[in-house]
């Protein structure tokens, strides 16, 4: 039996300021920002499934994700795109092929929303 499970439990995203990153991600995802910041540099977003782990200790400008680090799901790609525009999120692409778009977090990490 392999001691390493074939299941993703979390994805790390490097951030420059753990408190402001927590607040930004929780705001755009509609999550409470009341969880604990571990060890002064880690915040785990409370997801249903694999977690997104924000980590300010990993941050270095040359370690920013330039391709999507995470794919988030939506039932309505056009509503999701409009929502991100209303939140003044930096959009990196238009809606592509009617199914996805990329956006950047305040540290420049690229993420994807996909239908």
PDB file of N, CA and C in Angstrom:
ATOM      1  N   UNK A   1       0.847  -1.189   0.000  1.00  0.00           N
ATOM      2  CA  UNK A   1       0.000   0.000   0.000  1.00  0.00           C
ATOM      3  C   UNK A   1       0.887   1.245   0.000  1.00  0.00           C
ATOM      4  N   UNK A   2       0.585   2.159  -0.892  1.00  0.00           N
ATOM      5  CA  UNK A   2       1.360   3.391  -0.996  1.00  0.00           C
ATOM      6  C   UNK A   2       1.013   4.319   0.170  1.00  0.00           C
ATOM      7  N   UNK A   3       2.018   4.859   0.878  1.00  0.00           N
ATOM      8  CA  UNK A   3       1.726   5.749   1.995  1.00  0.00           C
ATOM      9  C   UNK A   3       1.297   7.157   1.570  1.00  0.00           C
ATOM     10  N   UNK A   4       1.405   7.484   0.289  1.00  0.00           N
ATOM     11  CA  UNK A   4       0.986   8.789  -0.225  1.00  0.00           C
ATOM     12  C   UNK A   4      -0.365   8.616  -0.918  1.00  0.00           C
ATOM     13  N   UNK A   5      -1.372   9.303  -0.414  1.00  0.00           N
ATOM     14  CA  UNK A   5      -2.713   9.209  -0.990  1.00  0.00           C
ATOM     15  C   UNK A   5      -2.768   9.948  -2.323  1.00  0.00           C
ATOM     16  N   UNK A   6      -3.572   9.465  -3.244  1.00  0.00           N
ATOM     17  CA  UNK A   6      -3.734  10.125  -4.547  1.00  0.00           C
ATOM     18  C   UNK A   6      -4.907  11.102  -4.466  1.00  0.00           C
ATOM     19  N   UNK A   7      -4.798  12.024  -3.534  1.00  0.00           N
ATOM     20  CA  UNK A   7      -5.844  13.023  -3.309  1.00  0.00           C
ATOM     21  C   UNK A   7      -5.191  14.343  -2.916  1.00  0.00           C
ATOM     22  N   UNK A   8      -5.634  15.425  -3.556  1.00  0.00           N
ATOM     23  CA  UNK A   8      -5.129  16.750  -3.199  1.00  0.00           C
ATOM     24  C   UNK A   8      -5.900  17.250  -1.991  1.00  0.00           C
ATOM     25  N   UNK A   9      -5.185  17.677  -0.970  1.00  0.00           N
ATOM     26  CA  UNK A   9      -5.851  18.214   0.215  1.00  0.00           C
ATOM     27  C   UNK A   9      -5.773  19.734   0.270  1.00  0.00           C
ATOM     28  N   UNK A  10      -4.834  20.317  -0.469  1.00  0.00           N
ATOM     29  CA  UNK A  10      -4.721  21.769  -0.466  1.00  0.00           C
ATOM     30  C   UNK A  10      -3.791  22.270  -1.544  1.00  0.00           C
ATOM     31  N   UNK A  11      -3.972  23.542  -1.875  1.00  0.00           N
ATOM     32  CA  UNK A  11      -3.136  24.228  -2.856  1.00  0.00           C
ATOM     33  C   UNK A  11      -2.620  25.489  -2.185  1.00  0.00           C
ATOM     34  N   UNK A  12      -1.308  25.693  -2.217  1.00  0.00           N
ATOM     35  CA  UNK A  12      -0.697  26.863  -1.592  1.00  0.00           C
ATOM     36  C   UNK A  12      -0.619  28.024  -2.578  1.00  0.00           C
ATOM     37  N   UNK A  13      -0.959  29.202  -2.087  1.00  0.00           N
ATOM     38  CA  UNK A  13      -0.826  30.430  -2.864  1.00  0.00           C
ATOM     39  C   UNK A  13       0.027  31.396  -2.044  1.00  0.00           C
ATOM     40  N   UNK A  14       1.169  31.831  -2.591  1.00  0.00           N
ATOM     41  CA  UNK A  14       2.010  32.786  -1.867  1.00  0.00           C
ATOM     42  C   UNK A  14       1.375  34.172  -1.871  1.00  0.00           C
ATOM     43  N   UNK A  15       1.340  34.803  -0.705  1.00  0.00           N
ATOM     44  CA  UNK A  15       0.753  36.139  -0.575  1.00  0.00           C
ATOM     45  C   UNK A  15       1.707  37.037   0.212  1.00  0.00           C
ATOM     46  N   UNK A  16       1.648  38.328  -0.047  1.00  0.00           N
ATOM     47  CA  UNK A  16       2.578  39.248   0.615  1.00  0.00           C
ATOM     48  C   UNK A  16       2.134  39.637   2.020  1.00  0.00           C
ATOM     49  N   UNK A  17       0.838  39.677   2.270  1.00  0.00           N
ATOM     50  CA  UNK A  17       0.312  40.065   3.583  1.00  0.00           C
ATOM     51  C   UNK A  17      -0.847  39.136   3.913  1.00  0.00           C
ATOM     52  N   UNK A  18      -0.682  38.317   4.934  1.00  0.00           N
ATOM     53  CA  UNK A  18      -1.653  37.274   5.226  1.00  0.00           C
ATOM     54  C   UNK A  18      -3.018  37.837   5.613  1.00  0.00           C
ATOM     55  N   UNK A  19      -3.054  38.919   6.380  1.00  0.00           N
ATOM     56  CA  UNK A  19      -4.341  39.480   6.793  1.00  0.00           C
ATOM     57  C   UNK A  19      -5.107  40.074   5.619  1.00  0.00           C
ATOM     58  N   UNK A  20      -4.433  40.864   4.792  1.00  0.00           N
ATOM     59  CA  UNK A  20      -5.143  41.472   3.662  1.00  0.00           C
ATOM     60  C   UNK A  20      -5.520  40.419   2.618  1.00  0.00           C
ATOM     61  N   UNK A  21      -4.675  39.390   2.419  1.00  0.00           N
ATOM     62  CA  UNK A  21      -5.013  38.310   1.491  1.00  0.00           C
ATOM     63  C   UNK A  21      -6.225  37.534   1.995  1.00  0.00           C
ATOM     64  N   UNK A  22      -6.235  37.221   3.295  1.00  0.00           N
ATOM     65  CA  UNK A  22      -7.396  36.540   3.886  1.00  0.00           C
ATOM     66  C   UNK A  22      -8.661  37.330   3.632  1.00  0.00           C
ATOM     67  N   UNK A  23      -8.611  38.627   3.907  1.00  0.00           N
ATOM     68  CA  UNK A  23      -9.794  39.474   3.740  1.00  0.00           C
ATOM     69  C   UNK A  23     -10.240  39.544   2.282  1.00  0.00           C
ATOM     70  N   UNK A  24      -9.296  39.667   1.347  1.00  0.00           N
ATOM     71  CA  UNK A  24      -9.623  39.768  -0.073  1.00  0.00           C
ATOM     72  C   UNK A  24     -10.249  38.475  -0.575  1.00  0.00           C
ATOM     73  N   UNK A  25      -9.600  37.352  -0.313  1.00  0.00           N
ATOM     74  CA  UNK A  25     -10.133  36.067  -0.780  1.00  0.00           C
ATOM     75  C   UNK A  25     -11.489  35.771  -0.148  1.00  0.00           C
ATOM     76  N   UNK A  26     -11.628  35.996   1.151  1.00  0.00           N
ATOM     77  CA  UNK A  26     -12.912  35.739   1.811  1.00  0.00           C
ATOM     78  C   UNK A  26     -14.002  36.640   1.239  1.00  0.00           C
ATOM     79  N   UNK A  27     -13.665  37.880   0.914  1.00  0.00           N
ATOM     80  CA  UNK A  27     -14.657  38.792   0.341  1.00  0.00           C
ATOM     81  C   UNK A  27     -15.142  38.301  -1.014  1.00  0.00           C
ATOM     82  N   UNK A  28     -14.213  38.002  -1.940  1.00  0.00           N
ATOM     83  CA  UNK A  28     -14.664  37.613  -3.279  1.00  0.00           C
ATOM     84  C   UNK A  28     -15.322  36.235  -3.297  1.00  0.00           C
ATOM     85  N   UNK A  29     -14.998  35.384  -2.312  1.00  0.00           N
ATOM     86  CA  UNK A  29     -15.572  34.043  -2.272  1.00  0.00           C
ATOM     87  C   UNK A  29     -16.770  33.936  -1.328  1.00  0.00           C
ATOM     88  N   UNK A  30     -17.109  35.036  -0.659  1.00  0.00           N
ATOM     89  CA  UNK A  30     -18.253  35.018   0.247  1.00  0.00           C
ATOM     90  C   UNK A  30     -18.046  34.122   1.455  1.00  0.00           C
ATOM     91  N   UNK A  31     -16.825  34.078   1.952  1.00  0.00           N
ATOM     92  CA  UNK A  31     -16.486  33.239   3.098  1.00  0.00           C
ATOM     93  C   UNK A  31     -16.246  34.106   4.337  1.00  0.00           C
ATOM     94  N   UNK A  32     -16.488  33.560   5.522  1.00  0.00           N
ATOM     95  CA  UNK A  32     -16.167  34.316   6.733  1.00  0.00           C
ATOM     96  C   UNK A  32     -14.652  34.440   6.882  1.00  0.00           C
ATOM     97  N   UNK A  33     -14.199  35.569   7.364  1.00  0.00           N
ATOM     98  CA  UNK A  33     -12.759  35.808   7.555  1.00  0.00           C
ATOM     99  C   UNK A  33     -12.405  35.709   9.035  1.00  0.00           C
ATOM    100  N   UNK A  34     -13.021  34.756   9.708  1.00  0.00           N
ATOM    101  CA  UNK A  34     -12.842  34.682  11.152  1.00  0.00           C
ATOM    102  C   UNK A  34     -12.019  33.481  11.610  1.00  0.00           C
ATOM    103  N   UNK A  35     -11.410  32.770  10.667  1.00  0.00           N
ATOM    104  CA  UNK A  35     -10.585  31.619  11.039  1.00  0.00           C
ATOM    105  C   UNK A  35      -9.240  32.057  11.590  1.00  0.00           C
ATOM    106  N   UNK A  36      -8.546  31.101  12.140  1.00  0.00           N
ATOM    107  CA  UNK A  36      -7.247  31.362  12.749  1.00  0.00           C
ATOM    108  C   UNK A  36      -6.151  31.502  11.695  1.00  0.00           C
ATOM    109  N   UNK A  37      -5.223  32.419  11.928  1.00  0.00           N
ATOM    110  CA  UNK A  37      -4.003  32.516  11.132  1.00  0.00           C
ATOM    111  C   UNK A  37      -2.958  31.691  11.881  1.00  0.00           C
ATOM    112  N   UNK A  38      -2.484  30.629  11.236  1.00  0.00           N
ATOM    113  CA  UNK A  38      -1.556  29.711  11.881  1.00  0.00           C
ATOM    114  C   UNK A  38      -0.117  30.175  11.735  1.00  0.00           C
ATOM    115  N   UNK A  39       0.608  30.105  12.818  1.00  0.00           N
ATOM    116  CA  UNK A  39       2.040  30.395  12.847  1.00  0.00           C
ATOM    117  C   UNK A  39       2.375  31.793  12.342  1.00  0.00           C
ATOM    118  N   UNK A  40       1.371  32.688  12.303  1.00  0.00           N
ATOM    119  CA  UNK A  40       1.584  34.059  11.868  1.00  0.00           C
ATOM    120  C   UNK A  40       1.688  34.249  10.361  1.00  0.00           C
ATOM    121  N   UNK A  41       1.545  33.147   9.565  1.00  0.00           N
ATOM    122  CA  UNK A  41       1.722  33.313   8.116  1.00  0.00           C
ATOM    123  C   UNK A  41       0.838  32.413   7.257  1.00  0.00           C
ATOM    124  N   UNK A  42      -0.017  31.579   7.835  1.00  0.00           N
ATOM    125  CA  UNK A  42      -0.844  30.655   7.059  1.00  0.00           C
ATOM    126  C   UNK A  42      -2.318  30.861   7.383  1.00  0.00           C
ATOM    127  N   UNK A  43      -3.142  30.955   6.331  1.00  0.00           N
ATOM    128  CA  UNK A  43      -4.597  30.985   6.495  1.00  0.00           C
ATOM    129  C   UNK A  43      -5.201  29.978   5.530  1.00  0.00           C
ATOM    130  N   UNK A  44      -6.034  29.085   6.066  1.00  0.00           N
ATOM    131  CA  UNK A  44      -6.688  28.059   5.260  1.00  0.00           C
ATOM    132  C   UNK A  44      -8.118  28.517   4.970  1.00  0.00           C
ATOM    133  N   UNK A  45      -8.413  28.721   3.688  1.00  0.00           N
ATOM    134  CA  UNK A  45      -9.770  29.109   3.307  1.00  0.00           C
ATOM    135  C   UNK A  45     -10.696  27.914   3.502  1.00  0.00           C
ATOM    136  N   UNK A  46     -11.828  28.110   4.169  1.00  0.00           N
ATOM    137  CA  UNK A  46     -12.728  27.001   4.466  1.00  0.00           C
ATOM    138  C   UNK A  46     -13.541  26.572   3.245  1.00  0.00           C
ATOM    139  N   UNK A  47     -12.984  25.689   2.438  1.00  0.00           N
ATOM    140  CA  UNK A  47     -13.614  25.201   1.218  1.00  0.00           C
ATOM    141  C   UNK A  47     -14.295  23.870   1.454  1.00  0.00           C
ATOM    142  N   UNK A  48     -15.214  23.542   0.583  1.00  0.00           N
ATOM    143  CA  UNK A  48     -15.832  22.223   0.539  1.00  0.00           C
ATOM    144  C   UNK A  48     -15.022  21.416  -0.466  1.00  0.00           C
ATOM    145  N   UNK A  49     -14.046  20.690  -0.005  1.00  0.00           N
ATOM    146  CA  UNK A  49     -13.132  19.970  -0.883  1.00  0.00           C
ATOM    147  C   UNK A  49     -11.716  20.394  -0.568  1.00  0.00           C
ATOM    148  N   UNK A  50     -10.790  20.246  -1.527  1.00  0.00           N
ATOM    149  CA  UNK A  50      -9.410  20.669  -1.264  1.00  0.00           C
ATOM    150  C   UNK A  50      -9.357  22.144  -0.848  1.00  0.00           C
ATOM    151  N   UNK A  51      -8.504  22.441   0.111  1.00  0.00           N
ATOM    152  CA  UNK A  51      -8.391  23.795   0.636  1.00  0.00           C
ATOM    153  C   UNK A  51      -7.436  24.641  -0.189  1.00  0.00           C
ATOM    154  N   UNK A  52      -7.652  25.938  -0.142  1.00  0.00           N
ATOM    155  CA  UNK A  52      -6.663  26.896  -0.616  1.00  0.00           C
ATOM    156  C   UNK A  52      -5.960  27.403   0.636  1.00  0.00           C
ATOM    157  N   UNK A  53      -4.640  27.300   0.624  1.00  0.00           N
ATOM    158  CA  UNK A  53      -3.832  27.705   1.760  1.00  0.00           C
ATOM    159  C   UNK A  53      -3.045  28.948   1.361  1.00  0.00           C
ATOM    160  N   UNK A  54      -3.358  30.073   1.992  1.00  0.00           N
ATOM    161  CA  UNK A  54      -2.620  31.315   1.760  1.00  0.00           C
ATOM    162  C   UNK A  54      -1.414  31.297   2.688  1.00  0.00           C
ATOM    163  N   UNK A  55      -0.234  31.617   2.160  1.00  0.00           N
ATOM    164  CA  UNK A  55       0.977  31.551   2.980  1.00  0.00           C
ATOM    165  C   UNK A  55       1.894  32.726   2.666  1.00  0.00           C
ATOM    166  N   UNK A  56       2.048  33.624   3.643  1.00  0.00           N
ATOM    167  CA  UNK A  56       2.894  34.801   3.414  1.00  0.00           C
ATOM    168  C   UNK A  56       4.380  34.478   3.568  1.00  0.00           C
ATOM    169  N   UNK A  57       4.722  33.353   4.164  1.00  0.00           N
ATOM    170  CA  UNK A  57       6.129  32.979   4.281  1.00  0.00           C
ATOM    171  C   UNK A  57       6.694  32.532   2.935  1.00  0.00           C
ATOM    172  N   UNK A  58       5.827  32.056   2.047  1.00  0.00           N
ATOM    173  CA  UNK A  58       6.262  31.600   0.719  1.00  0.00           C
ATOM    174  C   UNK A  58       6.434  32.734  -0.271  1.00  0.00           C
ATOM    175  N   UNK A  59       5.938  33.925   0.073  1.00  0.00           N
ATOM    176  CA  UNK A  59       5.893  35.013  -0.906  1.00  0.00           C
ATOM    177  C   UNK A  59       7.281  35.497  -1.291  1.00  0.00           C
ATOM    178  N   UNK A  60       7.483  35.556  -2.585  1.00  0.00           N
ATOM    179  CA  UNK A  60       8.649  36.193  -3.195  1.00  0.00           C
ATOM    180  C   UNK A  60       8.191  36.604  -4.576  1.00  0.00           C
ATOM    181  N   UNK A  61       8.483  37.834  -4.998  1.00  0.00           N
ATOM    182  CA  UNK A  61       7.978  38.298  -6.298  1.00  0.00           C
ATOM    183  C   UNK A  61       8.252  37.346  -7.455  1.00  0.00           C
ATOM    184  N   UNK A  62       9.351  36.600  -7.412  1.00  0.00           N
ATOM    185  CA  UNK A  62       9.658  35.686  -8.515  1.00  0.00           C
ATOM    186  C   UNK A  62       8.963  34.333  -8.363  1.00  0.00           C
ATOM    187  N   UNK A  63       8.147  34.160  -7.322  1.00  0.00           N
ATOM    188  CA  UNK A  63       7.397  32.922  -7.141  1.00  0.00           C
ATOM    189  C   UNK A  63       5.905  33.093  -7.399  1.00  0.00           C
ATOM    190  N   UNK A  64       5.506  34.210  -7.971  1.00  0.00           N
ATOM    191  CA  UNK A  64       4.095  34.442  -8.263  1.00  0.00           C
ATOM    192  C   UNK A  64       3.646  33.476  -9.347  1.00  0.00           C
ATOM    193  N   UNK A  65       2.452  32.914  -9.166  1.00  0.00           N
ATOM    194  CA  UNK A  65       1.882  32.029 -10.179  1.00  0.00           C
ATOM    195  C   UNK A  65       1.470  32.868 -11.391  1.00  0.00           C
ATOM    196  N   UNK A  66       2.062  32.596 -12.548  1.00  0.00           N
ATOM    197  CA  UNK A  66       1.734  33.327 -13.770  1.00  0.00           C
ATOM    198  C   UNK A  66       0.734  32.552 -14.625  1.00  0.00           C
ATOM    199  N   UNK A  67       0.532  31.298 -14.314  1.00  0.00           N
ATOM    200  CA  UNK A  67      -0.524  30.497 -14.917  1.00  0.00           C
ATOM    201  C   UNK A  67      -1.495  30.185 -13.791  1.00  0.00           C
ATOM    202  N   UNK A  68      -2.730  29.829 -14.089  1.00  0.00           N
ATOM    203  CA  UNK A  68      -3.691  29.620 -13.005  1.00  0.00           C
ATOM    204  C   UNK A  68      -3.203  28.616 -11.963  1.00  0.00           C
ATOM    205  N   UNK A  69      -3.167  29.063 -10.717  1.00  0.00           N
ATOM    206  CA  UNK A  69      -2.768  28.213  -9.608  1.00  0.00           C
ATOM    207  C   UNK A  69      -3.942  27.358  -9.151  1.00  0.00           C
ATOM    208  N   UNK A  70      -5.148  27.879  -9.339  1.00  0.00           N
ATOM    209  CA  UNK A  70      -6.356  27.243  -8.838  1.00  0.00           C
ATOM    210  C   UNK A  70      -7.471  27.471  -9.849  1.00  0.00           C
ATOM    211  N   UNK A  71      -8.328  26.469 -10.008  1.00  0.00           N
ATOM    212  CA  UNK A  71      -9.530  26.615 -10.822  1.00  0.00           C
ATOM    213  C   UNK A  71     -10.729  26.586  -9.887  1.00  0.00           C
ATOM    214  N   UNK A  72     -11.518  27.658  -9.909  1.00  0.00           N
ATOM    215  CA  UNK A  72     -12.746  27.745  -9.124  1.00  0.00           C
ATOM    216  C   UNK A  72     -13.931  27.485 -10.042  1.00  0.00           C
ATOM    217  N   UNK A  73     -14.959  26.849  -9.526  1.00  0.00           N
ATOM    218  CA  UNK A  73     -16.120  26.503 -10.339  1.00  0.00           C
ATOM    219  C   UNK A  73     -17.215  27.556 -10.258  1.00  0.00           C
ATOM    220  N   UNK A  74     -18.043  27.607 -11.304  1.00  0.00           N
ATOM    221  CA  UNK A  74     -19.243  28.437 -11.325  1.00  0.00           C
ATOM    222  C   UNK A  74     -20.307  27.733 -12.159  1.00  0.00           C
ATOM    223  N   UNK A  75     -21.542  28.006 -11.858  1.00  0.00           N
ATOM    224  CA  UNK A  75     -22.650  27.510 -12.669  1.00  0.00           C
ATOM    225  C   UNK A  75     -22.972  28.478 -13.801  1.00  0.00           C
ATOM    226  N   UNK A  76     -22.607  29.758 -13.624  1.00  0.00           N
ATOM    227  CA  UNK A  76     -22.927  30.792 -14.610  1.00  0.00           C
ATOM    228  C   UNK A  76     -21.696  31.654 -14.843  1.00  0.00           C
ATOM    229  N   UNK A  77     -20.964  31.384 -15.912  1.00  0.00           N
ATOM    230  CA  UNK A  77     -19.704  32.075 -16.187  1.00  0.00           C
ATOM    231  C   UNK A  77     -19.901  33.569 -16.396  1.00  0.00           C
ATOM    232  N   UNK A  78     -21.004  33.968 -17.020  1.00  0.00           N
ATOM    233  CA  UNK A  78     -21.255  35.385 -17.266  1.00  0.00           C
ATOM    234  C   UNK A  78     -21.576  36.123 -15.968  1.00  0.00           C
ATOM    235  N   UNK A  79     -22.348  35.514 -15.100  1.00  0.00           N
ATOM    236  CA  UNK A  79     -22.643  36.111 -13.799  1.00  0.00           C
ATOM    237  C   UNK A  79     -21.366  36.209 -12.956  1.00  0.00           C
ATOM    238  N   UNK A  80     -20.518  35.176 -13.013  1.00  0.00           N
ATOM    239  CA  UNK A  80     -19.261  35.190 -12.264  1.00  0.00           C
ATOM    240  C   UNK A  80     -18.345  36.307 -12.762  1.00  0.00           C
ATOM    241  N   UNK A  81     -18.266  36.480 -14.075  1.00  0.00           N
ATOM    242  CA  UNK A  81     -17.419  37.524 -14.663  1.00  0.00           C
ATOM    243  C   UNK A  81     -17.910  38.910 -14.240  1.00  0.00           C
ATOM    244  N   UNK A  82     -19.217  39.116 -14.321  1.00  0.00           N
ATOM    245  CA  UNK A  82     -19.802  40.398 -13.918  1.00  0.00           C
ATOM    246  C   UNK A  82     -19.548  40.665 -12.429  1.00  0.00           C
ATOM    247  N   UNK A  83     -19.686  39.642 -11.605  1.00  0.00           N
ATOM    248  CA  UNK A  83     -19.442  39.760 -10.171  1.00  0.00           C
ATOM    249  C   UNK A  83     -18.004  40.217  -9.905  1.00  0.00           C
ATOM    250  N   UNK A  84     -17.043  39.607 -10.602  1.00  0.00           N
ATOM    251  CA  UNK A  84     -15.642  39.983 -10.410  1.00  0.00           C
ATOM    252  C   UNK A  84     -15.386  41.417 -10.877  1.00  0.00           C
ATOM    253  N   UNK A  85     -16.055  41.824 -11.964  1.00  0.00           N
ATOM    254  CA  UNK A  85     -15.943  43.213 -12.405  1.00  0.00           C
ATOM    255  C   UNK A  85     -16.465  44.158 -11.331  1.00  0.00           C
ATOM    256  N   UNK A  86     -17.609  43.823 -10.754  1.00  0.00           N
ATOM    257  CA  UNK A  86     -18.208  44.660  -9.715  1.00  0.00           C
ATOM    258  C   UNK A  86     -17.340  44.729  -8.468  1.00  0.00           C
ATOM    259  N   UNK A  87     -16.562  43.685  -8.201  1.00  0.00           N
ATOM    260  CA  UNK A  87     -15.642  43.640  -7.055  1.00  0.00           C
ATOM    261  C   UNK A  87     -14.315  44.320  -7.388  1.00  0.00           C
ATOM    262  N   UNK A  88     -14.198  44.849  -8.611  1.00  0.00           N
ATOM    263  CA  UNK A  88     -12.960  45.492  -9.074  1.00  0.00           C
ATOM    264  C   UNK A  88     -11.756  44.558  -9.037  1.00  0.00           C
ATOM    265  N   UNK A  89     -12.005  43.280  -9.300  1.00  0.00           N
ATOM    266  CA  UNK A  89     -10.942  42.293  -9.387  1.00  0.00           C
ATOM    267  C   UNK A  89     -10.249  42.468 -10.732  1.00  0.00           C
ATOM    268  N   UNK A  90      -8.927  42.382 -10.745  1.00  0.00           N
ATOM    269  CA  UNK A  90      -8.183  42.521 -11.990  1.00  0.00           C
ATOM    270  C   UNK A  90      -8.392  41.277 -12.847  1.00  0.00           C
ATOM    271  N   UNK A  91      -9.116  41.440 -13.944  1.00  0.00           N
ATOM    272  CA  UNK A  91      -9.389  40.333 -14.854  1.00  0.00           C
ATOM    273  C   UNK A  91      -8.234  40.203 -15.841  1.00  0.00           C
ATOM    274  N   UNK A  92      -7.717  38.979 -15.981  1.00  0.00           N
ATOM    275  CA  UNK A  92      -6.566  38.740 -16.847  1.00  0.00           C
ATOM    276  C   UNK A  92      -6.986  38.324 -18.253  1.00  0.00           C
ATOM    277  N   UNK A  93      -8.221  37.837 -18.404  1.00  0.00           N
ATOM    278  CA  UNK A  93      -8.743  37.466 -19.714  1.00  0.00           C
ATOM    279  C   UNK A  93     -10.223  37.823 -19.765  1.00  0.00           C
ATOM    280  N   UNK A  94     -10.755  37.803 -20.971  1.00  0.00           N
ATOM    281  CA  UNK A  94     -12.197  37.843 -21.164  1.00  0.00           C
ATOM    282  C   UNK A  94     -12.707  36.427 -20.902  1.00  0.00           C
ATOM    283  N   UNK A  95     -14.005  36.213 -21.018  1.00  0.00           N
ATOM    284  CA  UNK A  95     -14.544  34.855 -20.971  1.00  0.00           C
ATOM    285  C   UNK A  95     -14.091  34.155 -22.248  1.00  0.00           C
ATOM    286  N   UNK A  96     -13.392  33.044 -22.105  1.00  0.00           N
ATOM    287  CA  UNK A  96     -12.816  32.317 -23.233  1.00  0.00           C
ATOM    288  C   UNK A  96     -13.647  31.072 -23.534  1.00  0.00           C
ATOM    289  N   UNK A  97     -13.949  30.873 -24.822  1.00  0.00           N
ATOM    290  CA  UNK A  97     -14.702  29.702 -25.284  1.00  0.00           C
ATOM    291  C   UNK A  97     -16.018  29.512 -24.534  1.00  0.00           C
ATOM    292  N   UNK A  98     -16.527  30.585 -23.939  1.00  0.00           N
ATOM    293  CA  UNK A  98     -17.774  30.515 -23.208  1.00  0.00           C
ATOM    294  C   UNK A  98     -17.704  29.714 -21.923  1.00  0.00           C
ATOM    295  N   UNK A  99     -16.479  29.370 -21.470  1.00  0.00           N
ATOM    296  CA  UNK A  99     -16.358  28.461 -20.334  1.00  0.00           C
ATOM    297  C   UNK A  99     -15.442  28.920 -19.201  1.00  0.00           C
ATOM    298  N   UNK A 100     -14.516  29.839 -19.442  1.00  0.00           N
ATOM    299  CA  UNK A 100     -13.573  30.184 -18.376  1.00  0.00           C
ATOM    300  C   UNK A 100     -13.017  31.589 -18.550  1.00  0.00           C
ATOM    301  N   UNK A 101     -12.492  32.116 -17.443  1.00  0.00           N
ATOM    302  CA  UNK A 101     -11.709  33.354 -17.476  1.00  0.00           C
ATOM    303  C   UNK A 101     -10.688  33.305 -16.349  1.00  0.00           C
ATOM    304  N   UNK A 102      -9.623  34.081 -16.512  1.00  0.00           N
ATOM    305  CA  UNK A 102      -8.577  34.189 -15.498  1.00  0.00           C
ATOM    306  C   UNK A 102      -8.644  35.557 -14.841  1.00  0.00           C
ATOM    307  N   UNK A 103      -8.224  35.603 -13.579  1.00  0.00           N
ATOM    308  CA  UNK A 103      -8.123  36.860 -12.845  1.00  0.00           C
ATOM    309  C   UNK A 103      -6.886  36.823 -11.958  1.00  0.00           C
ATOM    310  N   UNK A 104      -6.512  37.990 -11.446  1.00  0.00           N
ATOM    311  CA  UNK A 104      -5.331  38.077 -10.576  1.00  0.00           C
ATOM    312  C   UNK A 104      -5.741  38.508  -9.185  1.00  0.00           C
ATOM    313  N   UNK A 105      -5.048  37.947  -8.200  1.00  0.00           N
ATOM    314  CA  UNK A 105      -5.245  38.410  -6.831  1.00  0.00           C
ATOM    315  C   UNK A 105      -4.381  39.655  -6.628  1.00  0.00           C
ATOM    316  N   UNK A 106      -4.466  40.324  -5.475  1.00  0.00           N
ATOM    317  CA  UNK A 106      -3.689  41.553  -5.274  1.00  0.00           C
ATOM    318  C   UNK A 106      -2.175  41.372  -5.366  1.00  0.00           C
ATOM    319  N   UNK A 107      -1.674  40.135  -5.211  1.00  0.00           N
ATOM    320  CA  UNK A 107      -0.242  39.876  -5.325  1.00  0.00           C
ATOM    321  C   UNK A 107       0.176  39.471  -6.728  1.00  0.00           C
ATOM    322  N   UNK A 108      -0.778  39.390  -7.663  1.00  0.00           N
ATOM    323  CA  UNK A 108      -0.462  39.046  -9.043  1.00  0.00           C
ATOM    324  C   UNK A 108      -0.608  37.577  -9.382  1.00  0.00           C
ATOM    325  N   UNK A 109      -0.990  36.724  -8.416  1.00  0.00           N
ATOM    326  CA  UNK A 109      -1.229  35.311  -8.707  1.00  0.00           C
ATOM    327  C   UNK A 109      -2.423  35.192  -9.648  1.00  0.00           C
ATOM    328  N   UNK A 110      -2.321  34.326 -10.640  1.00  0.00           N
ATOM    329  CA  UNK A 110      -3.402  34.117 -11.596  1.00  0.00           C
ATOM    330  C   UNK A 110      -4.243  32.930 -11.143  1.00  0.00           C
ATOM    331  N   UNK A 111      -5.570  33.123 -11.146  1.00  0.00           N
ATOM    332  CA  UNK A 111      -6.532  32.074 -10.826  1.00  0.00           C
ATOM    333  C   UNK A 111      -7.550  32.004 -11.944  1.00  0.00           C
ATOM    334  N   UNK A 112      -8.288  30.907 -12.004  1.00  0.00           N
ATOM    335  CA  UNK A 112      -9.264  30.687 -13.078  1.00  0.00           C
ATOM    336  C   UNK A 112     -10.641  30.422 -12.484  1.00  0.00           C
ATOM    337  N   UNK A 113     -11.665  30.914 -13.176  1.00  0.00           N
ATOM    338  CA  UNK A 113     -13.053  30.536 -12.897  1.00  0.00           C
ATOM    339  C   UNK A 113     -13.518  29.779 -14.126  1.00  0.00           C
ATOM    340  N   UNK A 114     -14.124  28.618 -13.911  1.00  0.00           N
ATOM    341  CA  UNK A 114     -14.512  27.757 -15.024  1.00  0.00           C
ATOM    342  C   UNK A 114     -15.907  27.192 -14.812  1.00  0.00           C
ATOM    343  N   UNK A 115     -16.650  27.117 -15.905  1.00  0.00           N
ATOM    344  CA  UNK A 115     -18.024  26.576 -15.892  1.00  0.00           C
ATOM    345  C   UNK A 115     -17.969  25.097 -16.166  1.00  0.00           C
TER     346      UNK A 115
END
